[in-house]
Amino acid sequence: MIFNDNGFVELPVNTSGRDYIVGDLHGQFDRLMAVLNVVEFSSNQDRLIAVGDVIDKGPGGQVLLWMLKTEPWFYSTLGNHELMMRGALGGNPYLLKQWARNHNQWAAQVPPADMDELLKIIDGMPVALELPLADGRRIGVVHAEIDPGTEWDAVRSVPPAGDREAEDHDGDTVGGSLLWGRRRATAGYRQRFNPKAKSLPAPTRVRTWQALQPVPGIDLVVAGHTKVTRPATPMVVANCIFLETAAFQPQGWLTLLDPRQGCYWQAGGKRNSARGPLPLPAPQDPEPFRPTPRQIEKSARADEQVVKALRLLLGSAV
């Protein structure tokens, strides 16, 4: 399903079937069909929402994009790979280089007329999507993350993405963080591998603590973008779930989430098999990362030093 307004879209409640959210597909059509078969997906009643990056790194990107136009049960938010593709083919030399470095070999086989149609489909992919459940909960779906400190209401008014967001890898804009941000997932990795928060510099501790807080104004946010491995299972950070479990790799997994039941299925692995339903992991306790007042002050001084250095470098106010 594609839309005329490709900023923010709110779906109606699905009163007849189930809603599933799938991680970064990256051209893995066969793995998608395998996991949908396991859950006995009904194209007449159920809906599937992808977190973006349906293209690149795998052979089925063209088919998956086309499905967004032809299959009324299939939705996707815009991913950074679709955004790079649109900018590259629109003549942006920076994005052309970026896209070429990101495994876009499949595009060389697409005739120009078909490529024009695919670009129209990408134009209809929203930057953010809200999925209301029958029990009253609201699920936000974005590609990368919602930057710490940003409320869901700010996402609801996000404009369509353009070259500015395509080049905003640092997430200085709301749209840039939705497509490129990694602060929350990075904080989740710190929780996984350093749960007691040992030996963290004050600025890192403060930023991590901020990123481990829930997104205000929404019950749950589902995203992808940052690869989650060791193990390749969904990563839960406060009220955010990250589903990018490396489906494009031979031994990676494609993850399908049922947000209503709080469980997931996967297809892939060494034997290209399917598994599930599996329970979502519980969020880890962020308390070990709570900074002390002194650490907050030290972090603020470090930020001030960075600003001063930039002012000297640029010769103007920053």
Protein backbone atom coordinates (compact mmCIF):
# COMPACT_ATOMS: atom_id res chain seq x y z
CA MET A 1 0.00 0.00 0.00
CA ILE A 2 1.35 3.40 -0.97
CA PHE A 3 0.11 6.86 0.06
CA ASN A 4 -0.13 10.35 -1.40
CA ASP A 5 1.17 11.87 1.86
CA ASN A 6 4.56 10.28 2.55
CA GLY A 7 5.29 12.06 5.82
CA PHE A 8 3.16 10.51 8.57
CA VAL A 9 0.32 8.00 8.12
CA GLU A 10 -2.11 6.62 10.69
CA LEU A 11 -3.72 3.31 9.78
CA PRO A 12 -7.25 2.34 10.81
CA VAL A 13 -7.79 -0.42 13.36
CA ASN A 14 -7.78 -3.90 11.81
CA THR A 15 -11.08 -5.34 13.06
CA SER A 16 -11.00 -8.56 11.04
CA GLY A 17 -7.48 -9.97 11.34
CA ARG A 18 -3.97 -9.70 12.71
CA ASP A 19 -1.22 -7.12 12.23
CA TYR A 20 2.43 -8.14 11.86
CA ILE A 21 5.57 -6.01 11.66
CA VAL A 22 8.65 -7.32 9.83
CA GLY A 23 12.27 -6.18 10.12
CA ASP A 24 14.55 -4.99 7.31
CA LEU A 25 13.78 -7.24 4.33
CA HIS A 26 16.73 -6.28 2.10
CA GLY A 27 15.44 -8.25 -0.87
CA GLN A 28 14.75 -11.47 1.06
CA PHE A 29 11.46 -12.39 -0.63
CA ASP A 30 11.85 -16.14 -0.02
CA ARG A 31 12.44 -15.71 3.72
CA LEU A 32 9.43 -13.42 3.94
CA MET A 33 7.20 -16.00 2.27
CA ALA A 34 8.59 -18.70 4.59
CA VAL A 35 7.79 -16.82 7.79
CA LEU A 36 4.35 -15.73 6.55
CA ASN A 37 3.57 -19.35 5.77
CA VAL A 38 4.46 -20.37 9.35
CA VAL A 39 1.96 -17.91 10.86
CA GLU A 40 -0.66 -18.85 8.24
CA PHE A 41 -0.90 -15.25 7.08
CA SER A 42 -4.26 -14.38 5.52
CA SER A 43 -4.05 -11.81 2.74
CA ASN A 44 -7.81 -11.24 3.09
CA GLN A 45 -7.73 -10.32 6.79
CA ASP A 46 -4.18 -9.72 8.03
CA ARG A 47 -1.79 -6.81 7.40
CA LEU A 48 2.00 -6.71 7.15
CA ILE A 49 4.01 -3.57 7.95
CA ALA A 50 7.72 -3.43 7.10
CA VAL A 51 10.14 -1.05 8.84
CA GLY A 52 11.77 0.01 5.55
CA ASP A 53 14.90 -1.10 3.67
CA VAL A 54 12.99 -3.59 1.56
CA ILE A 55 15.68 -3.21 -1.14
CA ASP A 56 19.44 -3.77 -1.58
CA LYS A 57 21.74 -6.57 -0.34
CA GLY A 58 19.40 -9.24 -1.74
CA PRO A 59 17.81 -10.21 -5.07
CA GLY A 60 14.12 -9.55 -4.38
CA GLY A 61 13.99 -5.79 -3.89
CA GLN A 62 12.12 -5.09 -7.12
CA VAL A 63 9.45 -7.67 -6.32
CA LEU A 64 9.02 -6.40 -2.76
CA LEU A 65 8.69 -2.78 -3.87
CA TRP A 66 6.15 -3.77 -6.50
CA MET A 67 4.14 -5.63 -3.85
CA LEU A 68 3.66 -2.33 -2.01
CA LYS A 69 1.64 -1.17 -5.01
CA THR A 70 -0.19 -4.38 -5.85
CA GLU A 71 -0.92 -5.94 -2.42
CA PRO A 72 -3.36 -3.97 -0.24
CA TRP A 73 -2.24 -5.88 2.87
CA PHE A 74 1.45 -4.84 2.58
CA TYR A 75 2.78 -1.54 3.96
CA SER A 76 6.25 -0.16 4.61
CA THR A 77 7.81 2.93 6.08
CA LEU A 78 10.61 4.56 4.12
CA GLY A 79 14.10 3.22 4.83
CA ASN A 80 17.43 4.92 4.29
CA HIS A 81 18.14 2.58 1.36
CA GLU A 82 14.98 3.67 -0.48
CA LEU A 83 15.85 7.28 0.30
CA MET A 84 19.38 6.81 -1.08
CA MET A 85 17.99 5.18 -4.22
CA ARG A 86 15.57 8.03 -4.86
CA GLY A 87 18.23 10.68 -4.33
CA ALA A 88 20.82 8.83 -6.40
CA LEU A 89 18.51 8.43 -9.38
CA GLY A 90 17.40 12.02 -8.93
CA GLY A 91 20.93 13.21 -9.67
CA ASN A 92 22.46 13.71 -6.23
CA PRO A 93 26.15 12.72 -6.69
CA TYR A 94 26.74 12.16 -2.96
CA LEU A 95 23.77 9.79 -2.68
CA LEU A 96 24.78 8.04 -5.90
CA LYS A 97 28.11 7.11 -4.30
CA GLN A 98 26.40 6.14 -1.05
CA TRP A 99 23.89 3.89 -2.80
CA ALA A 100 26.58 2.25 -4.94
CA ARG A 101 28.46 1.28 -1.77
CA ASN A 102 25.36 -0.35 -0.30
CA HIS A 103 24.88 -3.45 -2.45
CA ASN A 104 22.49 -2.10 -5.10
CA GLN A 105 23.52 -4.57 -7.81
CA TRP A 106 19.91 -5.70 -8.32
CA ALA A 107 19.07 -2.28 -9.79
CA ALA A 108 21.34 -2.83 -12.82
CA GLN A 109 18.89 -5.47 -14.09
CA VAL A 110 15.83 -3.17 -13.93
CA PRO A 111 14.73 -1.50 -17.21
CA PRO A 112 14.50 2.32 -17.03
CA ALA A 113 10.71 2.34 -17.44
CA ASP A 114 10.30 -0.11 -14.56
CA MET A 115 12.71 1.92 -12.44
CA ASP A 116 10.51 4.99 -12.92
CA GLU A 117 7.57 3.02 -11.54
CA LEU A 118 9.62 1.87 -8.56
CA LEU A 119 10.54 5.47 -7.78
CA LYS A 120 6.85 6.39 -7.74
CA ILE A 121 6.28 3.61 -5.22
CA ILE A 122 9.10 4.93 -3.02
CA ASP A 123 7.49 8.39 -3.20
CA GLY A 124 4.42 6.80 -1.56
CA MET A 125 6.28 5.27 1.42
CA PRO A 126 5.66 7.26 4.64
CA VAL A 127 8.50 8.28 6.94
CA ALA A 128 6.51 7.16 9.99
CA LEU A 129 3.38 5.14 10.53
CA GLU A 130 1.05 4.67 13.49
CA LEU A 131 -0.71 1.35 13.98
CA PRO A 132 -3.65 1.33 16.41
CA LEU A 133 -4.52 -2.02 17.97
CA ALA A 134 -8.01 -3.20 18.88
CA ASP A 135 -7.10 -3.12 22.59
CA GLY A 136 -6.44 0.64 22.40
CA ARG A 137 -2.63 0.57 22.30
CA ARG A 138 -0.83 2.60 19.66
CA ILE A 139 2.26 1.28 17.87
CA GLY A 140 4.70 3.59 16.11
CA VAL A 141 6.66 2.19 13.16
CA VAL A 142 9.78 3.95 11.86
CA HIS A 143 12.92 2.77 10.12
CA ALA A 144 15.74 3.69 12.51
CA GLU A 145 14.69 5.33 15.79
CA ILE A 146 13.09 8.29 17.50
CA ASP A 147 15.87 10.43 18.87
CA PRO A 148 16.06 10.57 22.69
CA GLY A 149 14.14 13.60 23.90
CA THR A 150 11.76 13.62 20.92
CA GLU A 151 8.08 12.92 21.64
CA TRP A 152 5.78 10.97 19.36
CA ASP A 153 3.71 14.10 18.66
CA ALA A 154 6.75 15.56 16.87
CA VAL A 155 6.84 12.46 14.67
CA ARG A 156 3.17 12.86 13.75
CA SER A 157 4.01 16.16 12.03
CA VAL A 158 7.19 15.00 10.26
CA PRO A 159 7.37 16.24 6.64
CA PRO A 160 8.17 14.04 3.64
CA ALA A 161 11.85 13.14 3.45
CA GLY A 162 14.17 14.71 0.91
CA ASP A 163 17.89 15.09 0.24
CA ARG A 164 18.36 16.92 3.56
CA GLU A 165 17.17 13.86 5.50
CA ALA A 166 19.09 11.55 3.16
CA GLU A 167 22.35 13.26 4.11
CA ASP A 168 21.46 13.79 7.80
CA HIS A 169 23.30 10.75 9.16
CA ASP A 170 23.72 12.43 12.56
CA GLY A 171 19.98 12.82 13.08
CA ASP A 172 19.98 16.60 13.47
CA THR A 173 16.40 16.69 12.15
CA VAL A 174 13.45 14.58 13.30
CA GLY A 175 13.27 13.00 9.85
CA GLY A 176 17.01 12.32 9.84
CA SER A 177 16.86 10.44 13.14
CA LEU A 178 13.87 8.40 11.92
CA LEU A 179 15.92 7.21 8.95
CA TRP A 180 19.50 7.05 10.26
CA GLY A 181 19.58 7.26 14.07
CA ARG A 182 21.33 4.64 16.21
CA ARG A 183 21.50 6.18 19.70
CA ARG A 184 18.85 3.96 21.26
CA ALA A 185 20.13 0.77 19.64
CA THR A 186 23.70 1.65 20.66
CA ALA A 187 22.48 2.11 24.23
CA GLY A 188 20.75 -1.26 23.97
CA TYR A 189 24.02 -2.89 22.95
CA ARG A 190 25.73 -1.32 25.97
CA GLN A 191 23.04 -2.86 28.14
CA ARG A 192 23.56 -6.27 26.52
CA PHE A 193 27.30 -6.41 26.91
CA ASN A 194 27.94 -4.12 29.89
CA PRO A 195 24.77 -4.47 32.03
CA LYS A 196 26.49 -3.09 35.15
CA ALA A 197 27.70 0.00 33.25
CA LYS A 198 31.31 -0.42 34.32
CA SER A 199 34.02 2.09 33.33
CA LEU A 200 31.81 4.43 31.32
CA PRO A 201 33.00 8.04 30.85
CA ALA A 202 30.53 10.58 32.20
CA PRO A 203 29.33 11.88 28.79
CA THR A 204 28.76 8.31 27.56
CA ARG A 205 26.84 7.40 30.72
CA VAL A 206 24.60 10.47 30.40
CA ARG A 207 23.87 9.87 26.70
CA THR A 208 23.20 6.19 27.35
CA TRP A 209 20.83 6.95 30.22
CA GLN A 210 18.92 9.39 28.00
CA ALA A 211 18.66 6.80 25.21
CA LEU A 212 17.32 4.14 27.58
CA GLN A 213 14.23 6.21 28.44
CA PRO A 214 10.86 5.49 26.77
CA VAL A 215 9.58 7.51 23.84
CA PRO A 216 6.82 9.74 25.31
CA GLY A 217 3.35 9.73 23.79
CA ILE A 218 3.26 6.23 22.27
CA ASP A 219 2.88 2.75 23.73
CA LEU A 220 5.48 1.00 21.60
CA VAL A 221 7.90 1.91 18.79
CA VAL A 222 9.12 -0.74 16.34
CA ALA A 223 12.19 -0.07 14.17
CA GLY A 224 15.05 -1.74 12.34
CA HIS A 225 18.17 -0.25 10.69
CA THR A 226 20.78 -1.20 13.33
CA LYS A 227 21.83 -4.83 12.95
CA VAL A 228 21.15 -6.89 16.07
CA THR A 229 23.34 -9.97 16.44
CA ARG A 230 24.95 -12.00 19.21
CA PRO A 231 22.20 -13.24 19.42
CA ALA A 232 20.13 -12.42 16.33
CA THR A 233 16.95 -11.77 18.32
CA PRO A 234 14.86 -8.62 18.73
CA MET A 235 16.39 -6.04 21.05
CA VAL A 236 14.03 -4.29 23.49
CA VAL A 237 15.08 -0.85 24.79
CA ALA A 238 12.43 0.72 27.06
CA ASN A 239 9.33 0.90 24.81
CA CYS A 240 11.31 0.38 21.58
CA ILE A 241 11.86 -2.90 19.72
CA PHE A 242 14.59 -3.32 17.07
CA LEU A 243 13.99 -6.05 14.47
CA GLU A 244 17.01 -5.84 12.10
CA THR A 245 18.41 -9.36 12.62
CA ALA A 246 20.54 -9.54 9.43
CA ALA A 247 18.10 -11.31 7.09
CA PHE A 248 20.43 -10.51 4.17
CA GLN A 249 23.26 -12.63 5.56
CA PRO A 250 23.37 -16.37 4.75
CA GLN A 251 23.10 -17.28 8.44
CA GLY A 252 20.96 -14.28 9.42
CA TRP A 253 17.30 -14.25 10.35
CA LEU A 254 14.24 -12.33 9.17
CA THR A 255 12.10 -11.37 12.17
CA LEU A 256 8.31 -11.06 12.16
CA LEU A 257 6.64 -9.47 15.21
CA ASP A 258 3.08 -9.82 16.48
CA PRO A 259 2.81 -6.63 18.60
CA ARG A 260 -0.55 -7.64 20.07
CA GLN A 261 0.69 -10.98 21.44
CA GLY A 262 4.22 -9.80 22.21
CA CYS A 263 5.92 -12.67 20.36
CA TYR A 264 7.89 -13.17 17.15
CA TRP A 265 8.84 -15.67 14.44
CA GLN A 266 12.00 -15.92 12.35
CA ALA A 267 13.03 -17.44 9.04
CA GLY A 268 16.64 -18.07 7.96
CA GLY A 269 19.67 -19.37 9.79
CA LYS A 270 22.14 -22.02 8.62
CA ARG A 271 19.40 -24.37 7.41
CA ASN A 272 17.08 -21.65 6.07
CA SER A 273 14.40 -22.84 8.47
CA ALA A 274 11.62 -21.11 10.42
CA ARG A 275 11.04 -20.89 14.16
CA GLY A 276 8.49 -19.44 16.56
CA PRO A 277 6.45 -18.20 18.22
CA LEU A 278 9.12 -16.96 20.63
CA PRO A 279 8.54 -14.53 23.53
CA LEU A 280 10.05 -11.08 23.33
CA PRO A 281 12.90 -10.47 25.77
CA ALA A 282 12.04 -8.20 28.68
CA PRO A 283 13.64 -4.73 28.75
CA GLN A 284 16.79 -4.63 30.85
CA ASP A 285 16.95 -2.44 33.93
CA PRO A 286 18.46 0.96 32.99
CA GLU A 287 19.18 1.87 36.63
CA PRO A 288 22.92 0.91 36.54
CA PHE A 289 23.37 3.63 33.87
CA ARG A 290 21.77 6.40 35.92
CA PRO A 291 24.34 9.23 36.12
CA THR A 292 25.16 11.04 39.33
CA PRO A 293 24.76 14.85 39.54
CA ARG A 294 28.54 15.14 39.32
CA GLN A 295 28.63 13.04 36.16
CA ILE A 296 25.88 15.16 34.62
CA GLU A 297 27.85 18.30 35.42
CA LYS A 298 31.04 16.76 34.02
CA SER A 299 29.22 15.78 30.84
CA ALA A 300 27.83 19.30 30.45
CA ARG A 301 31.35 20.78 30.83
CA ALA A 302 32.62 18.38 28.16
CA ASP A 303 29.82 19.50 25.82
CA GLU A 304 30.69 23.14 26.49
CA GLN A 305 34.32 22.45 25.56
CA VAL A 306 33.19 20.91 22.29
CA VAL A 307 31.05 23.98 21.51
CA LYS A 308 33.94 26.31 22.31
CA ALA A 309 36.27 24.34 20.06
CA LEU A 310 33.74 24.51 17.23
CA ARG A 311 33.37 28.27 17.69
CA LEU A 312 37.11 28.73 17.41
CA LEU A 313 37.23 26.47 14.38
CA LEU A 314 34.33 28.10 12.55
CA GLY A 315 34.95 31.64 13.72
CA SER A 316 31.29 32.19 14.58
CA ALA A 317 28.61 31.28 17.08
CA VAL A 318 27.52 27.64 17.07
